[in-house]
Protein backbone atom coordinates (compact mmCIF):
# COMPACT_ATOMS: atom_id res chain seq x y z
CA MET A 1 -0.05 0.00 0.02
CA SER A 2 1.38 3.49 -0.85
CA ASN A 3 2.13 6.15 1.72
CA ALA A 4 -0.78 8.31 0.23
CA ALA A 5 -3.21 5.36 0.62
CA LEU A 6 -2.15 4.90 4.17
CA ILE A 7 -2.61 8.49 4.96
CA ALA A 8 -6.15 8.26 3.48
CA GLU A 9 -6.83 5.22 5.64
CA ASP A 10 -5.77 7.13 8.65
CA SER A 11 -8.21 9.87 7.88
CA VAL A 12 -10.93 7.27 8.06
CA LEU A 13 -9.94 6.35 11.63
CA SER A 14 -9.82 9.96 12.74
CA ALA A 15 -13.28 10.39 11.40
CA GLY A 16 -14.47 7.77 13.90
CA ARG A 17 -15.14 4.84 11.64
CA THR A 18 -14.03 1.32 12.42
CA ASP A 19 -11.28 -0.24 10.12
CA SER A 20 -10.95 -4.02 10.98
CA ALA A 21 -9.59 -5.15 7.53
CA ASN A 22 -6.31 -5.82 9.17
CA ALA A 23 -7.76 -7.69 12.08
CA VAL A 24 -6.63 -11.36 12.46
CA GLY A 25 -7.60 -14.18 14.70
CA VAL A 26 -5.13 -15.71 17.16
CA GLU A 27 -4.81 -19.26 18.36
CA LEU A 28 -2.71 -20.58 21.19
CA ASP A 29 -2.77 -24.28 20.83
CA HIS A 30 -1.82 -26.56 23.76
CA LEU A 31 1.15 -24.37 24.90
CA THR A 32 3.55 -25.65 27.49
CA LYS A 33 6.30 -23.50 29.01
CA THR A 34 8.40 -24.33 31.97
CA PHE A 35 10.95 -22.44 33.94
CA GLY A 36 12.85 -25.19 35.87
CA ALA A 37 10.29 -26.88 38.05
CA LEU A 38 7.68 -24.20 37.40
CA ARG A 39 5.07 -24.95 34.73
CA ALA A 40 4.15 -21.35 33.69
CA LEU A 41 1.79 -22.62 30.83
CA ASP A 42 0.27 -26.01 31.34
CA ASP A 43 -1.42 -27.32 28.10
CA PHE A 44 -2.81 -23.71 27.53
CA THR A 45 -5.26 -23.33 24.73
CA MET A 46 -7.12 -20.07 23.75
CA GLN A 47 -8.60 -18.42 20.67
CA ILE A 48 -9.14 -14.78 20.02
CA CYS A 49 -11.61 -13.73 17.19
CA PRO A 50 -10.59 -11.05 14.69
CA GLY A 51 -11.18 -7.66 16.15
CA GLU A 52 -11.89 -9.01 19.72
CA MET A 53 -10.55 -7.71 22.94
CA VAL A 54 -9.78 -10.60 25.32
CA VAL A 55 -8.55 -9.83 28.84
CA LEU A 56 -6.40 -12.40 30.63
CA LEU A 57 -7.05 -12.15 34.32
CA GLY A 58 -5.51 -14.01 37.24
CA PRO A 59 -3.35 -13.75 40.39
CA SER A 60 0.33 -13.06 40.22
CA GLY A 61 2.31 -16.04 38.87
CA CYS A 62 -0.70 -17.64 37.12
CA GLY A 63 1.01 -17.43 33.62
CA LYS A 64 -1.00 -14.61 32.04
CA THR A 65 2.09 -12.52 31.24
CA THR A 66 3.96 -15.62 29.94
CA ALA A 67 1.10 -16.27 27.60
CA LEU A 68 1.30 -12.63 26.34
CA ARG A 69 5.06 -12.89 25.95
CA VAL A 70 5.08 -16.17 24.03
CA LEU A 71 2.36 -14.63 21.71
CA ALA A 72 4.70 -11.67 21.23
CA GLY A 73 7.65 -13.83 20.39
CA LEU A 74 9.61 -12.58 23.38
CA GLN A 75 9.63 -15.98 25.04
CA GLY A 76 9.98 -19.46 23.48
CA ILE A 77 7.66 -22.41 24.33
CA ASP A 78 8.38 -26.03 25.04
CA SER A 79 5.51 -27.44 23.00
CA GLY A 80 2.33 -26.31 21.21
CA ALA A 81 1.65 -23.93 18.28
CA ILE A 82 0.85 -20.28 17.89
CA ARG A 83 -1.01 -19.06 14.93
CA LEU A 84 -2.06 -15.67 13.56
CA GLY A 85 -4.86 -16.22 11.16
CA GLU A 86 -3.75 -19.15 8.92
CA ARG A 87 -0.08 -18.45 9.57
CA ASP A 88 1.90 -20.55 12.03
CA VAL A 89 4.30 -18.17 13.83
CA THR A 90 5.51 -20.55 16.51
CA ASP A 91 9.20 -20.21 15.41
CA VAL A 92 8.85 -16.82 13.82
CA PRO A 93 11.01 -14.00 15.37
CA ALA A 94 9.10 -11.27 17.29
CA ALA A 95 10.07 -8.59 14.79
CA ARG A 96 8.34 -10.51 11.90
CA ARG A 97 5.12 -11.26 13.78
CA ASP A 98 3.51 -7.84 13.02
CA LEU A 99 2.44 -7.29 16.59
CA ALA A 100 2.72 -4.23 18.79
CA MET A 101 3.01 -4.20 22.55
CA VAL A 102 2.27 -1.57 25.28
CA PHE A 103 4.06 -2.16 28.56
CA GLN A 104 3.29 -1.14 32.14
CA GLN A 105 6.24 1.41 31.91
CA TYR A 106 5.72 3.91 29.12
CA SER A 107 9.16 3.25 27.55
CA LEU A 108 9.12 6.43 25.46
CA PHE A 109 12.32 7.88 24.12
CA PRO A 110 13.01 10.89 26.33
CA HIS A 111 14.83 12.94 23.70
CA LEU A 112 11.92 12.66 21.20
CA THR A 113 8.74 14.70 21.17
CA ALA A 114 5.34 12.92 21.34
CA LEU A 115 4.97 13.19 17.56
CA GLU A 116 8.47 11.84 16.99
CA ASN A 117 7.92 8.94 19.44
CA VAL A 118 4.68 7.91 17.56
CA ALA A 119 6.40 8.31 14.16
CA PHE A 120 9.41 6.24 15.33
CA GLY A 121 8.20 2.80 14.18
CA LEU A 122 7.08 4.25 10.87
CA LYS A 123 10.58 5.65 10.25
CA ILE A 124 12.01 2.15 10.75
CA ARG A 125 9.50 0.88 8.14
CA HIS A 126 10.87 3.52 5.76
CA PHE A 127 7.81 5.71 5.42
CA SER A 128 8.48 9.09 3.94
CA ALA A 129 8.77 12.04 6.35
CA GLY A 130 5.46 13.43 5.22
CA ALA A 131 3.63 10.17 5.63
CA ARG A 132 5.09 9.63 9.09
CA LYS A 133 4.07 12.97 10.29
CA ALA A 134 0.50 12.64 8.85
CA ARG A 135 -0.09 9.26 10.44
CA ALA A 136 1.46 10.21 13.79
CA GLN A 137 -0.66 13.30 13.98
CA SER A 138 -3.80 11.25 13.18
CA TYR A 139 -3.04 8.80 15.99
CA LEU A 140 -2.21 11.44 18.54
CA GLU A 141 -5.51 13.02 17.66
CA LEU A 142 -7.14 9.55 18.11
CA VAL A 143 -5.84 9.30 21.64
CA GLY A 144 -6.75 12.99 22.46
CA LEU A 145 -3.27 14.47 22.36
CA SER A 146 -3.36 16.66 19.33
CA ASP A 147 -2.25 19.59 21.49
CA GLN A 148 0.68 17.74 23.02
CA MET A 149 2.55 16.79 19.84
CA ASP A 150 5.61 18.90 20.45
CA LYS A 151 6.01 18.14 24.19
CA TYR A 152 8.74 15.70 25.47
CA PRO A 153 7.84 12.84 27.88
CA HIS A 154 9.00 14.79 30.93
CA GLN A 155 6.63 17.51 30.13
CA MET A 156 3.57 15.17 30.11
CA SER A 157 1.62 13.37 32.87
CA GLY A 158 1.83 9.61 33.28
CA GLY A 159 -1.59 9.22 31.68
CA GLN A 160 -0.55 11.30 28.65
CA GLN A 161 2.77 9.34 28.23
CA GLN A 162 0.76 6.08 28.23
CA ARG A 163 -1.57 7.55 25.49
CA VAL A 164 1.53 8.34 23.43
CA ALA A 165 2.75 4.78 23.93
CA LEU A 166 -0.68 3.42 22.82
CA ALA A 167 -0.62 5.76 19.75
CA ARG A 168 2.88 4.62 18.85
CA ALA A 169 1.79 0.93 19.02
CA LEU A 170 -1.34 1.56 16.89
CA ALA A 171 0.35 3.73 14.29
CA VAL A 172 2.16 0.83 12.68
CA HIS A 173 -1.18 -0.87 12.16
CA PRO A 174 -0.35 -4.10 14.06
CA ARG A 175 -2.38 -7.21 13.31
CA VAL A 176 -2.62 -7.81 17.12
CA LEU A 177 -2.14 -5.31 19.95
CA LEU A 178 -0.77 -6.66 23.28
CA LEU A 179 -1.26 -4.66 26.51
CA ASP A 180 0.82 -5.80 29.49
CA GLU A 181 -0.79 -4.26 32.58
CA PRO A 182 -0.65 -0.87 30.86
CA LEU A 183 -2.54 1.03 33.67
CA SER A 184 -0.80 -0.33 36.77
CA ALA A 185 1.50 2.67 37.13
CA LEU A 186 -1.36 5.24 37.06
CA ASP A 187 -3.45 6.62 39.86
CA ALA A 188 -7.05 5.43 40.22
CA LYS A 189 -8.88 8.23 38.44
CA VAL A 190 -6.55 8.23 35.57
CA ARG A 191 -6.83 4.41 35.23
CA VAL A 192 -10.59 4.60 34.86
CA GLN A 193 -10.35 7.37 32.21
CA LEU A 194 -7.54 5.57 30.23
CA ARG A 195 -9.18 2.14 30.29
CA GLU A 196 -12.29 3.73 28.73
CA GLU A 197 -10.17 5.36 26.11
CA ILE A 198 -8.37 2.14 25.31
CA ARG A 199 -11.71 0.39 24.82
CA ARG A 200 -13.06 3.20 22.65
CA ILE A 201 -9.93 3.20 20.47
CA GLN A 202 -9.83 -0.59 20.18
CA ARG A 203 -13.46 -0.60 18.95
CA GLN A 204 -12.68 2.24 16.60
CA THR A 205 -9.68 0.66 15.11
CA GLY A 206 -11.04 -2.95 15.23
CA THR A 207 -7.59 -4.19 16.24
CA THR A 208 -7.41 -7.64 17.73
CA THR A 209 -6.25 -7.13 21.29
CA LEU A 210 -4.97 -9.20 24.22
CA PHE A 211 -4.91 -7.22 27.53
CA VAL A 212 -3.30 -8.68 30.57
CA THR A 213 -4.11 -7.56 34.18
CA HIS A 214 -4.50 -8.78 37.72
CA ASP A 215 -7.27 -6.18 38.32
CA GLN A 216 -10.83 -7.40 37.73
CA GLU A 217 -12.12 -3.83 37.85
CA GLU A 218 -10.08 -3.12 34.75
CA ALA A 219 -11.17 -6.37 33.03
CA LEU A 220 -14.89 -6.50 33.59
CA PRO A 221 -15.87 -3.07 31.83
CA ILE A 222 -13.73 -3.45 28.79
CA ALA A 223 -13.46 -7.02 27.62
CA ASP A 224 -15.39 -8.85 25.00
CA ARG A 225 -14.39 -11.94 26.79
CA ILE A 226 -12.48 -12.58 29.95
CA GLY A 227 -10.06 -15.52 30.31
CA VAL A 228 -9.42 -16.42 33.95
CA MET A 229 -6.08 -18.21 34.56
CA ASN A 230 -4.62 -20.17 37.48
CA ALA A 231 -1.47 -22.25 37.66
CA GLY A 232 -0.78 -21.95 33.97
CA ARG A 233 -4.27 -23.10 32.92
CA LEU A 234 -7.24 -21.35 31.44
CA GLN A 235 -10.16 -21.94 33.94
CA GLN A 236 -12.81 -20.20 31.93
CA ILE A 237 -13.11 -17.76 29.00
CA SER A 238 -16.47 -16.12 28.55
CA ALA A 239 -18.30 -12.74 28.38
CA PRO A 240 -17.68 -10.71 31.58
CA GLU A 241 -21.32 -11.09 32.65
CA THR A 242 -21.03 -14.94 32.21
CA VAL A 243 -17.77 -15.20 34.15
CA TYR A 244 -19.31 -13.31 37.05
CA SER A 245 -22.80 -14.85 37.08
CA GLN A 246 -22.03 -18.36 35.92
CA PRO A 247 -18.42 -19.21 37.09
CA ALA A 248 -17.12 -22.54 35.74
CA ASN A 249 -15.56 -23.56 39.03
CA GLU A 250 -14.76 -22.63 42.58
CA PHE A 251 -11.60 -20.71 41.67
CA VAL A 252 -13.41 -18.44 39.20
CA ALA A 253 -16.32 -17.90 41.62
CA THR A 254 -13.90 -16.84 44.51
CA PHE A 255 -11.42 -14.86 42.36
CA ILE A 256 -13.94 -12.82 40.48
CA GLY A 257 -15.90 -10.60 42.86
CA LEU A 258 -16.94 -11.69 46.44
CA SER A 259 -18.70 -14.80 47.39
CA ASN A 260 -20.28 -16.00 50.70
CA ARG A 261 -19.67 -19.68 51.45
CA LEU A 262 -22.83 -21.03 53.04
CA PRO A 263 -23.63 -24.62 54.03
CA GLY A 264 -26.34 -26.39 52.00
CA VAL A 265 -27.66 -29.51 50.28
CA SER A 266 -27.58 -29.67 46.54
CA ASP A 267 -29.54 -31.73 43.95
CA GLY A 268 -27.40 -30.32 41.11
CA THR A 269 -29.97 -27.78 39.86
CA SER A 270 -30.77 -26.05 43.24
CA ALA A 271 -29.51 -26.03 46.70
CA THR A 272 -31.32 -25.66 50.09
CA VAL A 273 -29.64 -23.21 52.40
CA TRP A 274 -31.18 -22.53 55.83
CA GLY A 275 -34.60 -23.87 54.57
CA ARG A 276 -34.55 -21.73 51.31
CA ARG A 277 -33.97 -22.97 47.78
CA ILE A 278 -31.32 -21.30 45.62
CA PRO A 279 -30.92 -22.01 41.91
CA LEU A 280 -27.58 -23.22 40.75
CA SER A 281 -25.62 -22.40 37.69
CA GLY A 282 -23.43 -24.64 35.48
CA TYR A 283 -21.80 -27.66 36.96
CA SER A 284 -22.38 -27.96 40.73
CA ALA A 285 -21.45 -30.66 43.26
CA LEU A 286 -24.22 -32.89 44.74
CA GLY A 287 -25.18 -33.68 48.36
CA ASP A 288 -23.71 -31.75 51.30
CA VAL A 289 -21.99 -28.71 49.72
CA ASP A 290 -20.74 -25.15 50.22
CA VAL A 291 -22.92 -22.73 48.27
CA LEU A 292 -21.12 -19.70 46.86
CA VAL A 293 -23.53 -16.83 46.95
CA ARG A 294 -22.76 -13.33 45.79
CA PRO A 295 -23.33 -10.49 48.34
CA GLU A 296 -25.88 -8.73 46.00
CA SER A 297 -27.93 -11.97 46.08
CA VAL A 298 -28.40 -11.64 49.89
CA GLY A 299 -31.12 -9.51 51.25
CA LEU A 300 -31.46 -8.46 54.91
CA VAL A 301 -34.72 -7.69 56.78
CA LYS A 302 -34.73 -6.19 60.30
CA THR A 303 -36.71 -8.34 62.65
CA ALA A 304 -37.73 -8.71 66.30
CA GLY A 305 -35.23 -10.61 68.39
CA ARG A 306 -36.90 -13.92 68.46
CA GLU A 307 -37.31 -13.89 64.60
CA SER A 308 -33.74 -13.09 63.96
CA GLU A 309 -31.27 -15.35 62.18
CA ALA A 310 -28.21 -13.15 62.58
CA THR A 311 -27.02 -9.96 64.09
CA VAL A 312 -25.29 -7.04 62.31
CA VAL A 313 -21.49 -6.90 62.73
CA SER A 314 -20.55 -4.02 60.54
CA SER A 315 -21.70 -1.70 57.70
CA THR A 316 -19.46 -0.08 55.12
CA PHE A 317 -20.70 2.81 52.85
CA LEU A 318 -19.49 2.32 49.18
CA GLY A 319 -21.32 5.11 47.52
CA SER A 320 -24.24 3.63 45.44
CA GLN A 321 -24.11 0.56 47.60
CA ALA A 322 -23.40 -0.51 51.18
CA ARG A 323 -21.83 -3.76 52.44
CA VAL A 324 -23.20 -5.17 55.55
CA VAL A 325 -21.64 -8.10 57.42
CA VAL A 326 -23.88 -10.20 59.70
CA ARG A 327 -23.10 -13.13 61.88
CA THR A 328 -25.49 -16.11 62.13
CA ARG A 329 -26.34 -18.05 65.35
CA SER A 330 -23.92 -20.71 64.17
CA GLY A 331 -21.12 -18.18 63.85
CA ILE A 332 -21.01 -17.88 60.09
CA ASP A 333 -20.25 -14.37 58.69
CA VAL A 334 -22.44 -13.40 55.74
CA THR A 335 -21.94 -10.34 53.50
CA ALA A 336 -24.84 -8.51 51.92
CA GLN A 337 -24.52 -5.70 49.42
CA ILE A 338 -27.70 -3.54 49.73
CA VAL A 339 -28.72 0.06 49.07
CA PRO A 340 -27.22 2.64 51.58
CA GLN A 341 -30.74 3.78 52.75
CA LEU A 342 -31.52 0.31 54.04
CA ALA A 343 -28.00 -0.20 55.50
CA ALA A 344 -28.33 3.05 57.38
CA GLN A 345 -31.15 1.59 59.42
CA MET A 346 -28.95 -1.30 60.61
CA GLN A 347 -26.53 -0.82 63.39
CA PRO A 348 -24.08 -3.26 64.87
CA GLY A 349 -26.00 -5.80 67.15
CA ASP A 350 -29.32 -5.35 65.35
CA PRO A 351 -31.19 -8.65 64.65
CA VAL A 352 -31.86 -9.48 61.06
CA ALA A 353 -33.27 -12.26 58.93
CA PHE A 354 -32.15 -13.38 55.44
CA GLU A 355 -33.76 -13.53 52.10
CA PHE A 356 -32.15 -14.85 48.96
CA LEU A 357 -32.77 -13.23 45.58
CA PRO A 358 -33.31 -15.67 42.72
CA HIS A 359 -29.78 -15.29 41.38
CA ALA A 360 -27.97 -18.42 40.40
CA ALA A 361 -25.17 -19.66 42.73
CA LEU A 362 -22.54 -22.30 42.59
CA ALA A 363 -22.33 -25.42 44.79
CA VAL A 364 -18.86 -26.82 45.55
CA ALA A 365 -17.54 -29.70 47.57
CA ARG A 366 -17.76 -28.77 51.25
CA SER A 367 -14.54 -27.62 52.74
CA VAL A 368 -13.28 -29.60 55.71
């Protein structure tokens, strides 16, 4: 494609239309990677559809960054295959995989302006000076930094620097964009703003994207699908709503969000907890089980003392919600997430009774 055609293509992006012609699917097929005795990837298999944003989520050491690095070509694998579209890139060097990566640290060239940083990859690809400038300007505009083009990194905030890094990655039109905890170094307010910008830009460009984070508050709002990892294996990959409301197993249910662990009896489709039936989602254990119930599925009702099932331990105001912890007669603590107006009526020591909303829960083998 000529430089003139590429500039015209960039004008389409800056006009706010999605260009996904360059999007490609990704397949990580039965990957194994060990570091001594540690199995960082254990028969790891995952597909990403063209133009999709998948977020890999999991605790430190679960293998999510290793998965991203082997896709990037920065780390070899012991076995398995990596494909971009129909192309097997398992043994292809990183520089020839046509991917771009944004790291946690901004990694900008301190002696180059924002415009020059974004244009750097285009210079390596032998674009003309005019084409480099035009494309770099269009991508700085895309990330909302058209007024910062002539500033050096030390003259910009951390969030602005990360936007420049994102623009630089996108400017080379990668087939796949890799984001390695790109928001971790930013303060909370900037993280929220920038994650929304990343999602907007990803949708606008249609770039296939793999985003790695340990923070579920980052993952849930932006992902098309979330892949939850543990011990080198993919535990579940589904839409955010499905991962949260229909966790595939105990690890996913306890890692994503909060869950109460309540004693019950399961028939596989519903469980009985303290005389009340709760519907179950997905695979659930049978017989005597622990039922994992989300706090927003627990309702509390103030009662007279003899009708009470528990007493209030604490109440925490969270803005639009409040989190109330109560203790049952048997000594089990239960967390409910309710509206602040109701929580304000409950003080430590107050008697309450439960009600369970008809939200699906998960039954797992009872812990000993």
